[in-house]
C-alpha atoms as a PDB file:
ATOM      1  CA  MET A   1     176.725 -49.243  30.654  1.00  0.00           C
ATOM      2  CA  THR A   2     178.721 -51.933  28.897  1.00  0.00           C
ATOM      3  CA  LEU A   3     182.325 -51.398  27.844  1.00  0.00           C
ATOM      4  CA  SER A   4     181.284 -51.079  24.192  1.00  0.00           C
ATOM      5  CA  ASN A   5     178.723 -48.415  25.085  1.00  0.00           C
ATOM      6  CA  TRP A   6     181.365 -46.469  26.988  1.00  0.00           C
ATOM      7  CA  GLY A   7     183.556 -46.646  23.905  1.00  0.00           C
ATOM      8  CA  LEU A   8     180.681 -45.376  21.773  1.00  0.00           C
ATOM      9  CA  LEU A   9     180.045 -42.570  24.258  1.00  0.00           C
ATOM     10  CA  LEU A  10     183.691 -41.427  24.143  1.00  0.00           C
ATOM     11  CA  LEU A  11     183.698 -41.615  20.349  1.00  0.00           C
ATOM     12  CA  THR A  12     180.536 -39.504  20.268  1.00  0.00           C
ATOM     13  CA  ALA A  13     182.085 -36.882  22.537  1.00  0.00           C
ATOM     14  CA  ALA A  14     185.263 -36.795  20.437  1.00  0.00           C
ATOM     15  CA  SER A  15     183.268 -36.393  17.229  1.00  0.00           C
ATOM     16  CA  PHE A  16     181.344 -33.468  18.715  1.00  0.00           C
ATOM     17  CA  ALA A  17     184.650 -31.906  19.813  1.00  0.00           C
ATOM     18  CA  ILE A  18     186.392 -32.291  16.439  1.00  0.00           C
ATOM     19  CA  SER A  19     184.090 -29.633  14.987  1.00  0.00           C
ATOM     20  CA  LEU A  20     185.838 -26.970  17.077  1.00  0.00           C
ATOM     21  CA  PRO A  21     189.309 -27.108  15.440  1.00  0.00           C
ATOM     22  CA  PHE A  22     187.632 -27.222  12.013  1.00  0.00           C
ATOM     23  CA  ASN A  23     185.560 -24.161  12.932  1.00  0.00           C
ATOM     24  CA  LYS A  24     188.602 -22.317  14.253  1.00  0.00           C
ATOM     25  CA  VAL A  25     190.541 -22.723  11.005  1.00  0.00           C
ATOM     26  CA  LEU A  26     187.621 -22.070   8.660  1.00  0.00           C
ATOM     27  CA  VAL A  27     186.343 -18.923  10.363  1.00  0.00           C
ATOM     28  CA  ALA A  28     189.616 -17.225   9.409  1.00  0.00           C
ATOM     29  CA  ASN A  29     188.406 -17.243   5.776  1.00  0.00           C
ATOM     30  CA  LEU A  30     184.608 -17.478   6.017  1.00  0.00           C
ATOM     31  CA  SER A  31     182.230 -15.229   7.929  1.00  0.00           C
ATOM     32  CA  PRO A  32     180.560 -16.863  10.965  1.00  0.00           C
ATOM     33  CA  ILE A  33     177.063 -16.869   9.460  1.00  0.00           C
ATOM     34  CA  LEU A  34     178.282 -18.234   6.113  1.00  0.00           C
ATOM     35  CA  LEU A  35     180.338 -20.916   7.858  1.00  0.00           C
ATOM     36  CA  ALA A  36     177.362 -21.908  10.013  1.00  0.00           C
ATOM     37  CA  LEU A  37     175.105 -22.040   6.953  1.00  0.00           C
ATOM     38  CA  LEU A  38     177.541 -24.084   4.857  1.00  0.00           C
ATOM     39  CA  ARG A  39     178.118 -26.468   7.756  1.00  0.00           C
ATOM     40  CA  ALA A  40     174.404 -27.253   7.835  1.00  0.00           C
ATOM     41  CA  VAL A  41     174.073 -27.362   4.031  1.00  0.00           C
ATOM     42  CA  VAL A  42     176.951 -29.783   3.478  1.00  0.00           C
ATOM     43  CA  ALA A  43     175.990 -31.987   6.450  1.00  0.00           C
ATOM     44  CA  PHE A  44     172.308 -32.210   5.516  1.00  0.00           C
ATOM     45  CA  PRO A  45     172.539 -34.799   2.672  1.00  0.00           C
ATOM     46  CA  ALA A  46     174.391 -37.227   4.943  1.00  0.00           C
ATOM     47  CA  VAL A  47     171.986 -36.638   7.834  1.00  0.00           C
ATOM     48  CA  TRP A  48     168.982 -36.990   5.520  1.00  0.00           C
ATOM     49  CA  LEU A  49     170.356 -40.243   4.055  1.00  0.00           C
ATOM     50  CA  LEU A  50     170.827 -41.701   7.538  1.00  0.00           C
ATOM     51  CA  ALA A  51     167.312 -40.606   8.486  1.00  0.00           C
ATOM     52  CA  ARG A  52     165.965 -42.098   5.257  1.00  0.00           C
ATOM     53  CA  LEU A  53     167.601 -45.455   5.939  1.00  0.00           C
ATOM     54  CA  TRP A  54     166.835 -45.754   9.655  1.00  0.00           C
ATOM     55  CA  ALA A  55     163.946 -43.418  10.445  1.00  0.00           C
ATOM     56  CA  GLY A  56     161.780 -42.918   7.362  1.00  0.00           C
ATOM     57  CA  GLY A  57     163.282 -39.616   6.225  1.00  0.00           C
ATOM     58  CA  LEU A  58     162.076 -36.112   7.093  1.00  0.00           C
ATOM     59  CA  PRO A  59     159.413 -35.195   9.677  1.00  0.00           C
ATOM     60  CA  ALA A  60     156.095 -36.771   8.741  1.00  0.00           C
ATOM     61  CA  ASP A  61     153.463 -34.189   9.683  1.00  0.00           C
ATOM     62  CA  ARG A  62     152.821 -30.637  10.835  1.00  0.00           C
ATOM     63  CA  ARG A  63     153.398 -31.498  14.481  1.00  0.00           C
ATOM     64  CA  GLU A  64     156.793 -33.034  13.763  1.00  0.00           C
ATOM     65  CA  TRP A  65     157.757 -30.098  11.541  1.00  0.00           C
ATOM     66  CA  GLY A  66     156.851 -27.775  14.406  1.00  0.00           C
ATOM     67  CA  THR A  67     159.260 -29.672  16.629  1.00  0.00           C
ATOM     68  CA  ALA A  68     161.934 -29.549  13.919  1.00  0.00           C
ATOM     69  CA  ALA A  69     161.418 -25.783  13.498  1.00  0.00           C
ATOM     70  CA  LEU A  70     162.000 -25.224  17.203  1.00  0.00           C
ATOM     71  CA  GLY A  71     165.161 -27.314  17.125  1.00  0.00           C
ATOM     72  CA  GLY A  72     166.318 -25.773  13.851  1.00  0.00           C
ATOM     73  CA  LEU A  73     166.431 -22.352  15.479  1.00  0.00           C
ATOM     74  CA  LEU A  74     167.731 -23.186  18.958  1.00  0.00           C
ATOM     75  CA  VAL A  75     169.853 -26.319  18.336  1.00  0.00           C
ATOM     76  CA  VAL A  76     171.247 -25.587  14.862  1.00  0.00           C
ATOM     77  CA  ALA A  77     171.063 -21.965  13.657  1.00  0.00           C
ATOM     78  CA  VAL A  78     171.927 -20.092  16.871  1.00  0.00           C
ATOM     79  CA  PRO A  79     174.602 -22.486  18.255  1.00  0.00           C
ATOM     80  CA  PHE A  80     176.354 -22.962  14.890  1.00  0.00           C
ATOM     81  CA  THR A  81     176.518 -19.196  14.354  1.00  0.00           C
ATOM     82  CA  ALA A  82     177.507 -18.322  17.926  1.00  0.00           C
ATOM     83  CA  ILE A  83     180.323 -20.868  18.149  1.00  0.00           C
ATOM     84  CA  SER A  84     181.697 -19.745  14.770  1.00  0.00           C
ATOM     85  CA  TRP A  85     181.517 -16.067  15.735  1.00  0.00           C
ATOM     86  CA  GLY A  86     183.153 -16.637  19.109  1.00  0.00           C
ATOM     87  CA  GLN A  87     186.011 -18.666  17.653  1.00  0.00           C
ATOM     88  CA  GLN A  88     187.203 -15.643  15.740  1.00  0.00           C
ATOM     89  CA  PHE A  89     188.631 -14.463  19.059  1.00  0.00           C
ATOM     90  CA  ILE A  90     189.170 -17.494  21.329  1.00  0.00           C
ATOM     91  CA  ALA A  91     190.948 -20.846  21.057  1.00  0.00           C
ATOM     92  CA  SER A  92     188.978 -23.911  20.004  1.00  0.00           C
ATOM     93  CA  GLY A  93     189.796 -25.701  23.265  1.00  0.00           C
ATOM     94  CA  LEU A  94     188.446 -22.805  25.304  1.00  0.00           C
ATOM     95  CA  GLY A  95     185.329 -22.868  23.155  1.00  0.00           C
ATOM     96  CA  GLY A  96     184.885 -26.530  24.062  1.00  0.00           C
ATOM     97  CA  VAL A  97     185.229 -25.774  27.764  1.00  0.00           C
ATOM     98  CA  LEU A  98     182.571 -23.078  27.515  1.00  0.00           C
ATOM     99  CA  TYR A  99     180.339 -25.418  25.516  1.00  0.00           C
ATOM    100  CA  GLY A 100     180.673 -27.883  28.387  1.00  0.00           C
ATOM    101  CA  THR A 101     178.433 -25.619  30.471  1.00  0.00           C
ATOM    102  CA  MET A 102     175.428 -26.977  28.576  1.00  0.00           C
ATOM    103  CA  PRO A 103     174.338 -29.399  31.359  1.00  0.00           C
ATOM    104  CA  LEU A 104     174.324 -26.510  33.845  1.00  0.00           C
ATOM    105  CA  MET A 105     172.237 -24.343  31.565  1.00  0.00           C
ATOM    106  CA  THR A 106     169.892 -27.224  30.799  1.00  0.00           C
ATOM    107  CA  ALA A 107     169.247 -27.710  34.519  1.00  0.00           C
ATOM    108  CA  ALA A 108     168.615 -23.985  34.961  1.00  0.00           C
ATOM    109  CA  PHE A 109     166.094 -23.801  32.108  1.00  0.00           C
ATOM    110  CA  ALA A 110     164.420 -27.035  33.218  1.00  0.00           C
ATOM    111  CA  HIS A 111     163.901 -25.550  36.691  1.00  0.00           C
ATOM    112  CA  PHE A 112     161.662 -22.837  35.244  1.00  0.00           C
ATOM    113  CA  ILE A 113     160.056 -24.765  32.369  1.00  0.00           C
ATOM    114  CA  ILE A 114     159.548 -28.360  33.551  1.00  0.00           C
ATOM    115  CA  ALA A 115     157.582 -28.721  36.785  1.00  0.00           C
ATOM    116  CA  ASP A 116     159.211 -31.944  38.028  1.00  0.00           C
ATOM    117  CA  GLU A 117     162.819 -30.842  37.417  1.00  0.00           C
ATOM    118  CA  ARG A 118     163.224 -28.168  40.057  1.00  0.00           C
ATOM    119  CA  LEU A 119     166.649 -27.316  41.452  1.00  0.00           C
ATOM    120  CA  ASN A 120     167.048 -28.610  44.999  1.00  0.00           C
ATOM    121  CA  LEU A 121     169.737 -27.508  47.470  1.00  0.00           C
ATOM    122  CA  CYS A 122     172.314 -29.961  46.113  1.00  0.00           C
ATOM    123  CA  LYS A 123     171.656 -28.903  42.528  1.00  0.00           C
ATOM    124  CA  LEU A 124     171.796 -25.220  43.461  1.00  0.00           C
ATOM    125  CA  ALA A 125     175.192 -25.792  45.060  1.00  0.00           C
ATOM    126  CA  GLY A 126     176.361 -27.571  41.914  1.00  0.00           C
ATOM    127  CA  PHE A 127     175.022 -24.751  39.768  1.00  0.00           C
ATOM    128  CA  ALA A 128     176.894 -22.175  41.866  1.00  0.00           C
ATOM    129  CA  LEU A 129     180.075 -24.257  41.573  1.00  0.00           C
ATOM    130  CA  GLY A 130     179.676 -24.404  37.805  1.00  0.00           C
ATOM    131  CA  LEU A 131     179.125 -20.654  37.578  1.00  0.00           C
ATOM    132  CA  PHE A 132     182.299 -20.107  39.588  1.00  0.00           C
ATOM    133  CA  GLY A 133     184.088 -22.349  37.093  1.00  0.00           C
ATOM    134  CA  ILE A 134     182.805 -20.172  34.225  1.00  0.00           C
ATOM    135  CA  VAL A 135     184.155 -17.049  35.959  1.00  0.00           C
ATOM    136  CA  ILE A 136     187.556 -18.713  36.296  1.00  0.00           C
ATOM    137  CA  VAL A 137     187.586 -19.757  32.636  1.00  0.00           C
ATOM    138  CA  VAL A 138     186.469 -16.383  31.326  1.00  0.00           C
ATOM    139  CA  GLY A 139     188.613 -14.458  33.818  1.00  0.00           C
ATOM    140  CA  PRO A 140     187.478 -11.954  36.451  1.00  0.00           C
ATOM    141  CA  SER A 141     188.784  -9.088  34.315  1.00  0.00           C
ATOM    142  CA  ALA A 142     186.140  -9.888  31.692  1.00  0.00           C
ATOM    143  CA  LEU A 143     183.485  -8.794  34.167  1.00  0.00           C
ATOM    144  CA  LEU A 144     184.904  -5.253  34.118  1.00  0.00           C
ATOM    145  CA  GLY A 145     184.583  -4.701  30.368  1.00  0.00           C
ATOM    146  CA  PHE A 146     184.437  -6.385  26.963  1.00  0.00           C
ATOM    147  CA  GLY A 147     187.501  -6.664  24.782  1.00  0.00           C
ATOM    148  CA  ARG A 148     187.825  -8.961  21.799  1.00  0.00           C
ATOM    149  CA  GLU A 149     188.471 -12.172  23.735  1.00  0.00           C
ATOM    150  CA  PRO A 150     185.871 -11.617  26.508  1.00  0.00           C
ATOM    151  CA  LEU A 151     183.296 -10.714  23.867  1.00  0.00           C
ATOM    152  CA  GLY A 152     184.168 -13.906  21.991  1.00  0.00           C
ATOM    153  CA  GLU A 153     183.716 -15.889  25.201  1.00  0.00           C
ATOM    154  CA  ALA A 154     180.340 -14.254  25.875  1.00  0.00           C
ATOM    155  CA  VAL A 155     179.049 -14.984  22.366  1.00  0.00           C
ATOM    156  CA  THR A 156     180.378 -18.546  22.572  1.00  0.00           C
ATOM    157  CA  LEU A 157     178.359 -19.058  25.760  1.00  0.00           C
ATOM    158  CA  ALA A 158     175.243 -18.200  23.740  1.00  0.00           C
ATOM    159  CA  ALA A 159     175.749 -21.496  21.878  1.00  0.00           C
ATOM    160  CA  PRO A 160     175.314 -23.880  24.857  1.00  0.00           C
ATOM    161  CA  MET A 161     172.632 -21.567  26.266  1.00  0.00           C
ATOM    162  CA  SER A 162     170.569 -21.826  23.084  1.00  0.00           C
ATOM    163  CA  TYR A 163     171.244 -25.572  22.815  1.00  0.00           C
ATOM    164  CA  ALA A 164     170.160 -26.078  26.431  1.00  0.00           C
ATOM    165  CA  LEU A 165     166.968 -24.045  25.988  1.00  0.00           C
ATOM    166  CA  GLY A 166     166.179 -25.985  22.829  1.00  0.00           C
ATOM    167  CA  THR A 167     166.796 -29.298  24.573  1.00  0.00           C
ATOM    168  CA  VAL A 168     164.416 -28.423  27.405  1.00  0.00           C
ATOM    169  CA  LEU A 169     161.693 -27.106  25.109  1.00  0.00           C
ATOM    170  CA  LEU A 170     161.965 -30.178  22.888  1.00  0.00           C
ATOM    171  CA  ARG A 171     161.217 -32.327  25.950  1.00  0.00           C
ATOM    172  CA  ARG A 172     157.811 -30.673  26.096  1.00  0.00           C
ATOM    173  CA  ARG A 173     157.055 -31.661  22.516  1.00  0.00           C
ATOM    174  CA  PRO A 174     155.661 -35.078  21.482  1.00  0.00           C
ATOM    175  CA  PRO A 175     158.566 -37.533  21.087  1.00  0.00           C
ATOM    176  CA  MET A 176     159.855 -38.348  17.603  1.00  0.00           C
ATOM    177  CA  ASN A 177     162.719 -40.354  16.129  1.00  0.00           C
ATOM    178  CA  PRO A 178     166.032 -38.531  16.842  1.00  0.00           C
ATOM    179  CA  LEU A 179     167.373 -39.010  13.311  1.00  0.00           C
ATOM    180  CA  ARG A 180     164.216 -37.730  11.656  1.00  0.00           C
ATOM    181  CA  LEU A 181     164.207 -34.797  14.055  1.00  0.00           C
ATOM    182  CA  THR A 182     167.868 -34.042  13.289  1.00  0.00           C
ATOM    183  CA  ALA A 183     167.269 -34.085   9.525  1.00  0.00           C
ATOM    184  CA  GLY A 184     164.329 -31.712   9.927  1.00  0.00           C
ATOM    185  CA  MET A 185     166.309 -29.403  12.229  1.00  0.00           C
ATOM    186  CA  PHE A 186     169.162 -29.137   9.741  1.00  0.00           C
ATOM    187  CA  LEU A 187     166.770 -28.272   6.925  1.00  0.00           C
ATOM    188  CA  VAL A 188     164.970 -25.622   8.982  1.00  0.00           C
ATOM    189  CA  GLY A 189     168.284 -24.293  10.307  1.00  0.00           C
ATOM    190  CA  GLN A 190     169.443 -23.658   6.744  1.00  0.00           C
ATOM    191  CA  ALA A 191     166.213 -21.824   5.949  1.00  0.00           C
ATOM    192  CA  ILE A 192     166.732 -19.571   8.984  1.00  0.00           C
ATOM    193  CA  MET A 193     170.391 -18.769   8.291  1.00  0.00           C
ATOM    194  CA  LEU A 194     170.146 -18.277   4.519  1.00  0.00           C
ATOM    195  CA  PRO A 195     168.250 -14.927   4.606  1.00  0.00           C
ATOM    196  CA  VAL A 196     170.684 -13.598   7.229  1.00  0.00           C
ATOM    197  CA  ALA A 197     173.687 -14.546   5.079  1.00  0.00           C
ATOM    198  CA  ILE A 198     172.069 -12.931   2.029  1.00  0.00           C
ATOM    199  CA  ALA A 199     171.204  -9.761   3.967  1.00  0.00           C
ATOM    200  CA  GLU A 200     174.815  -9.451   5.149  1.00  0.00           C
ATOM    201  CA  GLY A 201     176.068  -9.903   1.586  1.00  0.00           C
ATOM    202  CA  GLU A 202     178.195 -12.890   2.504  1.00  0.00           C
ATOM    203  CA  LEU A 203     177.056 -14.989  -0.449  1.00  0.00           C
ATOM    204  CA  ASN A 204     178.465 -12.410  -2.850  1.00  0.00           C
ATOM    205  CA  HIS A 205     182.103 -12.710  -1.823  1.00  0.00           C
ATOM    206  CA  GLY A 206     182.454 -15.517   0.720  1.00  0.00           C
ATOM    207  CA  LEU A 207     181.679 -18.407  -1.600  1.00  0.00           C
ATOM    208  CA  GLY A 208     184.834 -17.709  -3.607  1.00  0.00           C
ATOM    209  CA  ASP A 209     186.873 -19.194  -0.770  1.00  0.00           C
ATOM    210  CA  LEU A 210     185.185 -22.542  -1.362  1.00  0.00           C
ATOM    211  CA  LEU A 211     187.086 -22.874  -4.631  1.00  0.00           C
ATOM    212  CA  ARG A 212     190.266 -23.320  -2.624  1.00  0.00           C
ATOM    213  CA  PRO A 213     190.872 -27.077  -2.133  1.00  0.00           C
ATOM    214  CA  ARG A 214     191.985 -26.610   1.473  1.00  0.00           C
ATOM    215  CA  THR A 215     188.783 -24.756   2.412  1.00  0.00           C
ATOM    216  CA  ALA A 216     186.594 -27.296   0.620  1.00  0.00           C
ATOM    217  CA  VAL A 217     188.295 -30.230   2.358  1.00  0.00           C
ATOM    218  CA  LEU A 218     188.074 -28.606   5.793  1.00  0.00           C
ATOM    219  CA  LEU A 219     184.408 -27.723   5.295  1.00  0.00           C
ATOM    220  CA  THR A 220     183.645 -31.289   4.233  1.00  0.00           C
ATOM    221  CA  GLY A 221     185.453 -32.561   7.319  1.00  0.00           C
ATOM    222  CA  LEU A 222     183.507 -30.187   9.559  1.00  0.00           C
ATOM    223  CA  ALA A 223     180.193 -31.194   8.001  1.00  0.00           C
ATOM    224  CA  LEU A 224     180.766 -34.950   7.961  1.00  0.00           C
ATOM    225  CA  ALA A 225     183.183 -35.755  10.810  1.00  0.00           C
ATOM    226  CA  GLY A 226     182.134 -32.928  13.130  1.00  0.00           C
ATOM    227  CA  THR A 227     178.407 -32.626  12.386  1.00  0.00           C
ATOM    228  CA  ALA A 228     176.752 -35.584  10.627  1.00  0.00           C
ATOM    229  CA  MET A 229     178.821 -38.294  12.332  1.00  0.00           C
ATOM    230  CA  PRO A 230     178.187 -37.135  15.934  1.00  0.00           C
ATOM    231  CA  ALA A 231     174.472 -36.888  15.152  1.00  0.00           C
ATOM    232  CA  PHE A 232     174.449 -40.517  13.998  1.00  0.00           C
ATOM    233  CA  LEU A 233     176.670 -41.736  16.837  1.00  0.00           C
ATOM    234  CA  ASN A 234     174.436 -39.979  19.343  1.00  0.00           C
ATOM    235  CA  TYR A 235     171.437 -41.714  17.767  1.00  0.00           C
ATOM    236  CA  LEU A 236     173.149 -45.094  18.149  1.00  0.00           C
ATOM    237  CA  LEU A 237     174.073 -44.270  21.730  1.00  0.00           C
ATOM    238  CA  ILE A 238     170.476 -43.359  22.564  1.00  0.00           C
ATOM    239  CA  ARG A 239     169.273 -46.601  20.991  1.00  0.00           C
ATOM    240  CA  ARG A 240     171.802 -48.704  22.904  1.00  0.00           C
ATOM    241  CA  SER A 241     171.964 -47.049  26.322  1.00  0.00           C
ATOM    242  CA  GLY A 242     169.153 -44.492  26.580  1.00  0.00           C
ATOM    243  CA  ALA A 243     168.943 -40.714  26.335  1.00  0.00           C
ATOM    244  CA  THR A 244     170.200 -40.097  29.881  1.00  0.00           C
ATOM    245  CA  ASN A 245     173.426 -42.035  29.380  1.00  0.00           C
ATOM    246  CA  ALA A 246     173.868 -40.487  25.931  1.00  0.00           C
ATOM    247  CA  SER A 247     173.782 -37.028  27.508  1.00  0.00           C
ATOM    248  CA  LEU A 248     176.996 -37.902  29.379  1.00  0.00           C
ATOM    249  CA  ALA A 249     178.891 -37.218  26.144  1.00  0.00           C
ATOM    250  CA  MET A 250     178.671 -33.510  26.961  1.00  0.00           C
ATOM    251  CA  PHE A 251     180.793 -34.085  30.065  1.00  0.00           C
ATOM    252  CA  PHE A 252     183.653 -35.438  27.952  1.00  0.00           C
ATOM    253  CA  LEU A 253     183.346 -32.976  25.042  1.00  0.00           C
ATOM    254  CA  PRO A 254     185.400 -30.164  26.669  1.00  0.00           C
ATOM    255  CA  VAL A 255     188.170 -32.603  27.621  1.00  0.00           C
ATOM    256  CA  PHE A 256     188.486 -33.764  24.025  1.00  0.00           C
ATOM    257  CA  ALA A 257     188.247 -30.148  22.831  1.00  0.00           C
ATOM    258  CA  LEU A 258     191.267 -29.136  24.921  1.00  0.00           C
ATOM    259  CA  LEU A 259     193.238 -32.170  23.755  1.00  0.00           C
ATOM    260  CA  LEU A 260     192.391 -31.646  20.083  1.00  0.00           C
ATOM    261  CA  GLY A 261     193.075 -27.922  20.185  1.00  0.00           C
ATOM    262  CA  SER A 262     196.429 -28.536  21.818  1.00  0.00           C
ATOM    263  CA  THR A 263     197.546 -31.370  19.522  1.00  0.00           C
ATOM    264  CA  ILE A 264     196.108 -30.242  16.177  1.00  0.00           C
ATOM    265  CA  LEU A 265     196.365 -26.444  16.422  1.00  0.00           C
ATOM    266  CA  GLN A 266     199.146 -26.257  19.057  1.00  0.00           C
ATOM    267  CA  GLU A 267     196.942 -24.076  21.222  1.00  0.00           C
ATOM    268  CA  PRO A 268     198.337 -23.343  24.693  1.00  0.00           C
ATOM    269  CA  VAL A 269     196.203 -24.788  27.480  1.00  0.00           C
ATOM    270  CA  ARG A 270     195.659 -22.193  30.188  1.00  0.00           C
ATOM    271  CA  PHE A 271     195.641 -23.310  33.799  1.00  0.00           C
ATOM    272  CA  SER A 272     192.475 -21.282  34.321  1.00  0.00           C
ATOM    273  CA  ALA A 273     190.755 -23.332  31.588  1.00  0.00           C
ATOM    274  CA  ILE A 274     191.661 -26.605  33.313  1.00  0.00           C
ATOM    275  CA  ALA A 275     190.695 -25.345  36.772  1.00  0.00           C
ATOM    276  CA  GLY A 276     187.445 -23.901  35.493  1.00  0.00           C
ATOM    277  CA  LEU A 277     186.693 -27.078  33.548  1.00  0.00           C
ATOM    278  CA  ILE A 278     187.050 -29.181  36.695  1.00  0.00           C
ATOM    279  CA  LEU A 279     184.616 -26.934  38.563  1.00  0.00           C
ATOM    280  CA  ILE A 280     182.170 -26.904  35.633  1.00  0.00           C
ATOM    281  CA  LEU A 281     182.247 -30.705  35.406  1.00  0.00           C
ATOM    282  CA  CYS A 282     181.807 -31.113  39.173  1.00  0.00           C
ATOM    283  CA  GLY A 283     178.919 -28.658  39.156  1.00  0.00           C
ATOM    284  CA  SER A 284     177.323 -30.381  36.162  1.00  0.00           C
ATOM    285  CA  LEU A 285     177.615 -33.770  37.846  1.00  0.00           C
ATOM    286  CA  ALA A 286     175.932 -32.341  40.940  1.00  0.00           C
ATOM    287  CA  VAL A 287     172.981 -30.857  39.074  1.00  0.00           C
ATOM    288  CA  THR A 288     172.464 -34.009  37.011  1.00  0.00           C
ATOM    289  CA  ARG A 289     173.310 -36.580  39.693  1.00  0.00           C
ATOM    290  CA  GLN A 290     169.735 -37.681  40.311  1.00  0.00           C
ATOM    291  CA  ASP A 291     169.064 -37.976  36.568  1.00  0.00           C
ATOM    292  CA  THR A 292     172.121 -40.113  35.761  1.00  0.00           C
ATOM    293  CA  ALA A 293     172.030 -42.414  38.766  1.00  0.00           C
END
């Protein structure tokens, strides 16, 4: 890649990571499902406008809406809710490290779903290395029982797992413009989360917090800087350097997440998080080495 594309890739990774500190602060006042819903609702107009200008707007037919529905569940609704729920109990930087397992999970799902993406011996070794990194990050004691923090880590891991499964299943669908797909996914994601938020009664008392200027500003920042902007930057990166190179942003996301959590929220950086991150990144590079060469 060119130097400018590397700069765009790093900016994309940083914009994905900035959502984590926003989430961490907001989930102290808003329930996870309401926060996830509002994140999609506030981000949607910007995403739709970008799709309207560069990709013709929303999905065009039933087939494209089917693709958007799949992504709306697995790439928007489940990950947004899981990461918000988990961050009630864990630091934003740790959440970013756990989210960095997405390439490992993508390779695992692809092995069973896509015939020509089987795990060979090298990839299996990388997968095992990445799993060992997860154990180090989470802590061996978490395997003996679930307290508040281990449970938060487990739920947080559901976010990259769902995202990875969605990514693999979307590969099996007919290709469509990434921006149009993203706009459709955000719309469907809202439709999925809204009944859950209503059923839990969150709309009755949680929306009052939005009247506070600080909450409104943070939510706008999460939706625009941490949600709509990375979607657009990722689209530009795909256009300029291809989908494979664009996927490298996920390798840098946890690094930025640790840095942002430490500098913005003064979160302590655990040695186990750094050691586990190194193993996760090495394992991810091993399982994706043939794809990114």
